[in-house]
Amino acid sequence: MQQTNNSRKTMENEIVDHEDYQFIITRFKRINWKQYKGFAQYQYFLFVFDKRLAKVIKDDSITDVFNTEIRDNVFETFEHLKQNLDAILSEYILDDDAIFECLKVVEKLNPIYLDNNGKE
């Protein structure tokens, strides 16, 4: 999924739903206070939402669901994200196969993966 942040650059994110939790892992190009090259040009964010704590607001026959954010982390590089993500996911997902599937999805945010597939 790709969205546009009109104030700066394009952001990419991956959304993983697993039973009671939703994980959003996203990357942004850094603000160019200095010229970042290669791996350092991106910063990564992880948001975890608990779907069990969703609040339903009814107003004028329209129902909106707002999930509750229970965790957020910032990672300076993709490698830093990958080193910590397994442990973080293990807090919420008990099935090793599901954790592995989530890690495979997140791999799409790797600058090497994107560059090799011509998406940038």
N, C-alpha and C. Protein backbone atom coordinates (compact mmCIF):
# COMPACT_ATOMS: atom_id res chain seq x y z
N MET A 1 0.85 -1.16 0.00
CA MET A 1 0.00 0.00 0.00
C MET A 1 0.90 1.23 0.00
N GLN A 2 0.57 2.21 -0.80
CA GLN A 2 1.37 3.41 -0.88
C GLN A 2 0.47 4.62 -0.75
N GLN A 3 0.87 5.56 0.10
CA GLN A 3 0.10 6.77 0.30
C GLN A 3 1.03 7.95 0.10
N THR A 4 0.45 9.11 -0.15
CA THR A 4 1.26 10.29 -0.36
C THR A 4 1.16 11.21 0.84
N ASN A 5 2.31 11.62 1.32
CA ASN A 5 2.41 12.63 2.37
C ASN A 5 2.80 13.91 1.63
N ASN A 6 1.85 14.77 1.35
CA ASN A 6 2.09 15.94 0.50
C ASN A 6 3.10 16.92 1.08
N SER A 7 3.34 16.86 2.37
CA SER A 7 4.29 17.79 2.96
C SER A 7 5.73 17.42 2.63
N ARG A 8 6.00 16.15 2.28
CA ARG A 8 7.37 15.77 1.98
C ARG A 8 7.43 14.76 0.86
N LYS A 9 7.49 13.52 1.21
CA LYS A 9 7.76 12.45 0.26
C LYS A 9 6.70 11.37 0.37
N THR A 10 6.87 10.35 -0.41
CA THR A 10 5.97 9.20 -0.36
C THR A 10 6.27 8.36 0.87
N MET A 11 5.23 7.81 1.47
CA MET A 11 5.41 6.86 2.56
C MET A 11 4.87 5.53 2.10
N GLU A 12 5.50 4.48 2.56
CA GLU A 12 5.02 3.13 2.28
C GLU A 12 4.71 2.48 3.61
N ASN A 13 3.66 1.65 3.63
CA ASN A 13 3.37 0.92 4.86
C ASN A 13 2.85 -0.46 4.55
N GLU A 14 2.99 -1.32 5.54
CA GLU A 14 2.45 -2.67 5.49
C GLU A 14 1.54 -2.82 6.69
N ILE A 15 0.36 -3.37 6.46
CA ILE A 15 -0.61 -3.58 7.53
C ILE A 15 -0.83 -5.08 7.67
N VAL A 16 -0.67 -5.57 8.90
CA VAL A 16 -0.86 -6.99 9.18
C VAL A 16 -1.93 -7.12 10.25
N ASP A 17 -2.98 -7.85 9.95
CA ASP A 17 -4.03 -8.15 10.92
C ASP A 17 -3.81 -9.56 11.45
N HIS A 18 -3.84 -9.68 12.76
CA HIS A 18 -3.72 -11.00 13.38
C HIS A 18 -4.65 -11.06 14.58
N GLU A 19 -5.70 -11.84 14.45
CA GLU A 19 -6.69 -12.05 15.50
C GLU A 19 -7.08 -10.75 16.20
N ASP A 20 -6.54 -10.49 17.37
CA ASP A 20 -6.94 -9.34 18.17
C ASP A 20 -6.12 -8.08 17.92
N TYR A 21 -5.09 -8.17 17.08
CA TYR A 21 -4.17 -7.06 16.91
C TYR A 21 -4.00 -6.68 15.45
N GLN A 22 -3.71 -5.41 15.25
CA GLN A 22 -3.36 -4.92 13.93
C GLN A 22 -2.00 -4.22 14.06
N PHE A 23 -1.09 -4.58 13.15
CA PHE A 23 0.25 -4.01 13.15
C PHE A 23 0.41 -3.17 11.90
N ILE A 24 0.83 -1.94 12.07
CA ILE A 24 1.13 -1.07 10.94
C ILE A 24 2.61 -0.74 11.03
N ILE A 25 3.34 -1.13 10.01
CA ILE A 25 4.76 -0.84 9.92
C ILE A 25 4.94 0.05 8.70
N THR A 26 5.53 1.20 8.90
CA THR A 26 5.64 2.17 7.82
C THR A 26 7.03 2.77 7.77
N ARG A 27 7.37 3.31 6.62
CA ARG A 27 8.65 3.99 6.50
C ARG A 27 8.43 5.34 5.82
N PHE A 28 9.24 6.32 6.23
CA PHE A 28 9.21 7.64 5.65
C PHE A 28 10.63 8.00 5.24
N LYS A 29 10.74 8.79 4.18
CA LYS A 29 12.04 9.38 3.88
C LYS A 29 12.29 10.45 4.92
N ARG A 30 13.53 10.53 5.35
CA ARG A 30 13.88 11.51 6.37
C ARG A 30 13.81 12.93 5.81
N ILE A 31 13.61 13.88 6.70
CA ILE A 31 13.67 15.29 6.32
C ILE A 31 15.11 15.57 5.94
N ASN A 32 15.30 16.29 4.86
CA ASN A 32 16.65 16.51 4.34
C ASN A 32 17.36 17.69 5.00
N TRP A 33 17.56 17.58 6.31
CA TRP A 33 18.41 18.59 6.96
C TRP A 33 19.83 18.43 6.48
N LYS A 34 20.19 17.20 6.22
CA LYS A 34 21.44 16.90 5.54
C LYS A 34 21.09 15.81 4.53
N GLN A 35 21.90 15.61 3.56
CA GLN A 35 21.59 14.65 2.50
C GLN A 35 21.85 13.23 2.99
N TYR A 36 20.79 12.44 3.17
CA TYR A 36 20.93 11.05 3.56
C TYR A 36 20.99 10.19 2.31
N LYS A 37 21.83 9.20 2.33
CA LYS A 37 21.98 8.29 1.20
C LYS A 37 21.75 6.85 1.66
N GLY A 38 21.39 5.99 0.75
CA GLY A 38 21.29 4.56 1.03
C GLY A 38 20.30 4.25 2.13
N PHE A 39 20.71 3.37 3.05
CA PHE A 39 19.83 2.89 4.10
C PHE A 39 19.40 3.99 5.06
N ALA A 40 20.23 5.00 5.26
CA ALA A 40 19.95 6.05 6.24
C ALA A 40 18.87 7.02 5.78
N GLN A 41 18.42 6.94 4.54
CA GLN A 41 17.43 7.90 4.06
C GLN A 41 16.02 7.61 4.56
N TYR A 42 15.80 6.45 5.19
CA TYR A 42 14.47 6.08 5.68
C TYR A 42 14.45 5.95 7.19
N GLN A 43 13.28 6.23 7.77
CA GLN A 43 13.04 5.99 9.18
C GLN A 43 11.78 5.14 9.26
N TYR A 44 11.75 4.19 10.20
CA TYR A 44 10.67 3.20 10.28
C TYR A 44 9.87 3.37 11.57
N PHE A 45 8.56 3.11 11.46
CA PHE A 45 7.66 3.24 12.60
C PHE A 45 6.80 1.99 12.71
N LEU A 46 6.53 1.58 13.94
CA LEU A 46 5.66 0.44 14.21
C LEU A 46 4.54 0.92 15.13
N PHE A 47 3.30 0.62 14.74
CA PHE A 47 2.14 0.91 15.56
C PHE A 47 1.38 -0.38 15.77
N VAL A 48 0.96 -0.64 17.02
CA VAL A 48 0.18 -1.83 17.34
C VAL A 48 -1.15 -1.36 17.90
N PHE A 49 -2.23 -1.89 17.33
CA PHE A 49 -3.58 -1.55 17.77
C PHE A 49 -4.25 -2.80 18.30
N ASP A 50 -4.98 -2.65 19.40
CA ASP A 50 -5.72 -3.76 19.99
C ASP A 50 -7.17 -3.65 19.52
N LYS A 51 -7.58 -4.59 18.67
CA LYS A 51 -8.94 -4.55 18.13
C LYS A 51 -9.99 -4.88 19.18
N ARG A 52 -9.59 -5.52 20.27
CA ARG A 52 -10.53 -5.86 21.34
C ARG A 52 -10.96 -4.61 22.10
N LEU A 53 -10.14 -3.57 22.05
CA LEU A 53 -10.44 -2.34 22.76
C LEU A 53 -11.11 -1.31 21.86
N ALA A 54 -11.61 -1.75 20.71
CA ALA A 54 -12.24 -0.84 19.76
C ALA A 54 -13.45 -0.16 20.39
N LYS A 55 -13.61 1.10 20.08
CA LYS A 55 -14.74 1.87 20.57
C LYS A 55 -15.64 2.19 19.39
N VAL A 56 -16.90 1.93 19.54
CA VAL A 56 -17.87 2.21 18.49
C VAL A 56 -18.60 3.50 18.86
N ILE A 57 -18.57 4.45 17.95
CA ILE A 57 -19.24 5.73 18.17
C ILE A 57 -20.39 5.82 17.18
N LYS A 58 -21.61 5.97 17.69
CA LYS A 58 -22.78 6.06 16.83
C LYS A 58 -23.30 7.49 16.86
N ASP A 59 -23.38 8.08 15.68
CA ASP A 59 -23.87 9.44 15.57
C ASP A 59 -24.49 9.60 14.19
N ASP A 60 -25.73 9.99 14.13
CA ASP A 60 -26.44 10.19 12.86
C ASP A 60 -26.45 8.92 12.01
N SER A 61 -26.66 7.80 12.62
CA SER A 61 -26.75 6.50 11.94
C SER A 61 -25.46 6.07 11.26
N ILE A 62 -24.36 6.71 11.59
CA ILE A 62 -23.06 6.32 11.04
C ILE A 62 -22.25 5.69 12.17
N THR A 63 -21.68 4.54 11.91
CA THR A 63 -20.89 3.85 12.91
C THR A 63 -19.42 3.87 12.51
N ASP A 64 -18.57 4.39 13.38
CA ASP A 64 -17.12 4.39 13.17
C ASP A 64 -16.47 3.58 14.27
N VAL A 65 -15.44 2.84 13.91
CA VAL A 65 -14.71 2.04 14.89
C VAL A 65 -13.30 2.61 15.01
N PHE A 66 -12.90 2.91 16.22
CA PHE A 66 -11.57 3.43 16.48
C PHE A 66 -10.83 2.42 17.35
N ASN A 67 -9.79 1.82 16.80
CA ASN A 67 -8.98 0.88 17.57
C ASN A 67 -8.07 1.67 18.51
N THR A 68 -7.67 1.03 19.58
CA THR A 68 -6.83 1.67 20.58
C THR A 68 -5.38 1.32 20.34
N GLU A 69 -4.55 2.34 20.19
CA GLU A 69 -3.12 2.11 20.00
C GLU A 69 -2.53 1.69 21.34
N ILE A 70 -1.78 0.57 21.34
CA ILE A 70 -1.19 0.09 22.58
C ILE A 70 0.34 0.13 22.55
N ARG A 71 0.91 0.39 21.37
CA ARG A 71 2.37 0.45 21.29
C ARG A 71 2.78 1.22 20.05
N ASP A 72 3.86 1.98 20.16
CA ASP A 72 4.47 2.58 18.99
C ASP A 72 5.98 2.64 19.22
N ASN A 73 6.71 2.41 18.16
CA ASN A 73 8.17 2.42 18.20
C ASN A 73 8.70 3.12 16.95
N VAL A 74 9.88 3.70 17.08
CA VAL A 74 10.58 4.32 15.97
C VAL A 74 11.92 3.61 15.82
N PHE A 75 12.29 3.31 14.58
CA PHE A 75 13.55 2.62 14.29
C PHE A 75 14.33 3.44 13.27
N GLU A 76 15.61 3.61 13.51
CA GLU A 76 16.40 4.48 12.64
C GLU A 76 16.77 3.85 11.32
N THR A 77 16.82 2.52 11.24
CA THR A 77 17.13 1.84 9.98
C THR A 77 16.29 0.58 9.87
N PHE A 78 16.27 0.01 8.67
CA PHE A 78 15.55 -1.24 8.47
C PHE A 78 16.17 -2.36 9.30
N GLU A 79 17.49 -2.38 9.39
CA GLU A 79 18.17 -3.41 10.18
C GLU A 79 17.78 -3.33 11.65
N HIS A 80 17.68 -2.12 12.17
CA HIS A 80 17.26 -1.94 13.56
C HIS A 80 15.83 -2.43 13.75
N LEU A 81 14.96 -2.16 12.80
CA LEU A 81 13.59 -2.67 12.83
C LEU A 81 13.57 -4.19 12.86
N LYS A 82 14.31 -4.81 11.95
CA LYS A 82 14.31 -6.28 11.86
C LYS A 82 14.88 -6.93 13.13
N GLN A 83 15.89 -6.31 13.74
CA GLN A 83 16.49 -6.87 14.95
C GLN A 83 15.51 -6.88 16.12
N ASN A 84 14.58 -5.95 16.14
CA ASN A 84 13.66 -5.82 17.27
C ASN A 84 12.26 -6.34 17.00
N LEU A 85 11.88 -6.46 15.75
CA LEU A 85 10.51 -6.78 15.40
C LEU A 85 10.07 -8.17 15.87
N ASP A 86 10.95 -9.15 15.76
CA ASP A 86 10.62 -10.51 16.18
C ASP A 86 10.21 -10.55 17.65
N ALA A 87 10.98 -9.89 18.50
CA ALA A 87 10.67 -9.87 19.93
C ALA A 87 9.36 -9.14 20.21
N ILE A 88 9.13 -8.03 19.50
CA ILE A 88 7.90 -7.27 19.71
C ILE A 88 6.68 -8.07 19.27
N LEU A 89 6.76 -8.69 18.08
CA LEU A 89 5.64 -9.49 17.60
C LEU A 89 5.35 -10.66 18.52
N SER A 90 6.39 -11.23 19.13
CA SER A 90 6.23 -12.38 20.03
C SER A 90 5.40 -12.03 21.26
N GLU A 91 5.33 -10.76 21.60
CA GLU A 91 4.49 -10.34 22.73
C GLU A 91 3.00 -10.47 22.41
N TYR A 92 2.65 -10.37 21.14
CA TYR A 92 1.25 -10.34 20.74
C TYR A 92 0.81 -11.57 19.96
N ILE A 93 1.74 -12.22 19.27
CA ILE A 93 1.42 -13.38 18.44
C ILE A 93 2.19 -14.57 18.99
N LEU A 94 1.49 -15.63 19.34
CA LEU A 94 2.15 -16.78 19.94
C LEU A 94 2.56 -17.83 18.92
N ASP A 95 2.01 -17.79 17.74
CA ASP A 95 2.29 -18.77 16.70
C ASP A 95 3.52 -18.35 15.88
N ASP A 96 4.56 -19.18 15.90
CA ASP A 96 5.80 -18.86 15.18
C ASP A 96 5.59 -18.69 13.69
N ASP A 97 4.71 -19.50 13.10
CA ASP A 97 4.45 -19.38 11.66
C ASP A 97 3.81 -18.04 11.32
N ALA A 98 2.91 -17.56 12.18
CA ALA A 98 2.28 -16.26 11.95
C ALA A 98 3.31 -15.12 12.09
N ILE A 99 4.22 -15.26 13.02
CA ILE A 99 5.28 -14.26 13.17
C ILE A 99 6.14 -14.23 11.92
N PHE A 100 6.50 -15.40 11.42
CA PHE A 100 7.32 -15.49 10.21
C PHE A 100 6.61 -14.85 9.02
N GLU A 101 5.31 -15.10 8.88
CA GLU A 101 4.54 -14.49 7.78
C GLU A 101 4.54 -12.97 7.89
N CYS A 102 4.42 -12.45 9.10
CA CYS A 102 4.45 -11.01 9.30
C CYS A 102 5.81 -10.45 8.93
N LEU A 103 6.88 -11.13 9.30
CA LEU A 103 8.23 -10.68 8.97
C LEU A 103 8.45 -10.68 7.46
N LYS A 104 7.84 -11.64 6.75
CA LYS A 104 7.96 -11.67 5.29
C LYS A 104 7.26 -10.46 4.67
N VAL A 105 6.12 -10.08 5.21
CA VAL A 105 5.40 -8.92 4.70
C VAL A 105 6.22 -7.65 4.92
N VAL A 106 6.82 -7.52 6.09
CA VAL A 106 7.61 -6.34 6.42
C VAL A 106 8.84 -6.22 5.53
N GLU A 107 9.33 -7.34 5.04
CA GLU A 107 10.51 -7.33 4.17
C GLU A 107 10.30 -6.46 2.94
N LYS A 108 9.05 -6.21 2.57
CA LYS A 108 8.75 -5.35 1.42
C LYS A 108 9.19 -3.91 1.65
N LEU A 109 9.42 -3.52 2.89
CA LEU A 109 9.87 -2.17 3.20
C LEU A 109 11.39 -2.05 3.20
N ASN A 110 12.08 -3.15 2.97
CA ASN A 110 13.54 -3.16 2.90
C ASN A 110 13.98 -2.38 1.67
N PRO A 111 14.86 -1.39 1.82
CA PRO A 111 15.31 -0.62 0.65
C PRO A 111 15.92 -1.49 -0.44
N ILE A 112 16.59 -2.56 -0.07
CA ILE A 112 17.19 -3.46 -1.07
C ILE A 112 16.10 -4.16 -1.87
N TYR A 113 15.06 -4.64 -1.20
CA TYR A 113 13.96 -5.32 -1.87
C TYR A 113 13.27 -4.39 -2.85
N LEU A 114 13.01 -3.16 -2.42
CA LEU A 114 12.33 -2.20 -3.30
C LEU A 114 13.21 -1.82 -4.49
N ASP A 115 14.49 -1.59 -4.24
CA ASP A 115 15.39 -1.21 -5.33
C ASP A 115 15.55 -2.32 -6.35
N ASN A 116 15.59 -3.56 -5.90
CA ASN A 116 15.78 -4.70 -6.82
C ASN A 116 14.55 -4.98 -7.66
N ASN A 117 13.39 -4.55 -7.20
CA ASN A 117 12.16 -4.80 -7.93
C ASN A 117 11.69 -3.58 -8.74
N GLY A 118 12.52 -2.57 -8.79
CA GLY A 118 12.22 -1.41 -9.63
C GLY A 118 11.06 -0.57 -9.17
N LYS A 119 10.73 -0.60 -7.88
CA LYS A 119 9.59 0.17 -7.38
C LYS A 119 9.98 1.55 -6.93
N GLU A 120 11.26 1.88 -6.94
CA GLU A 120 11.66 3.23 -6.52
C GLU A 120 12.36 3.93 -7.62
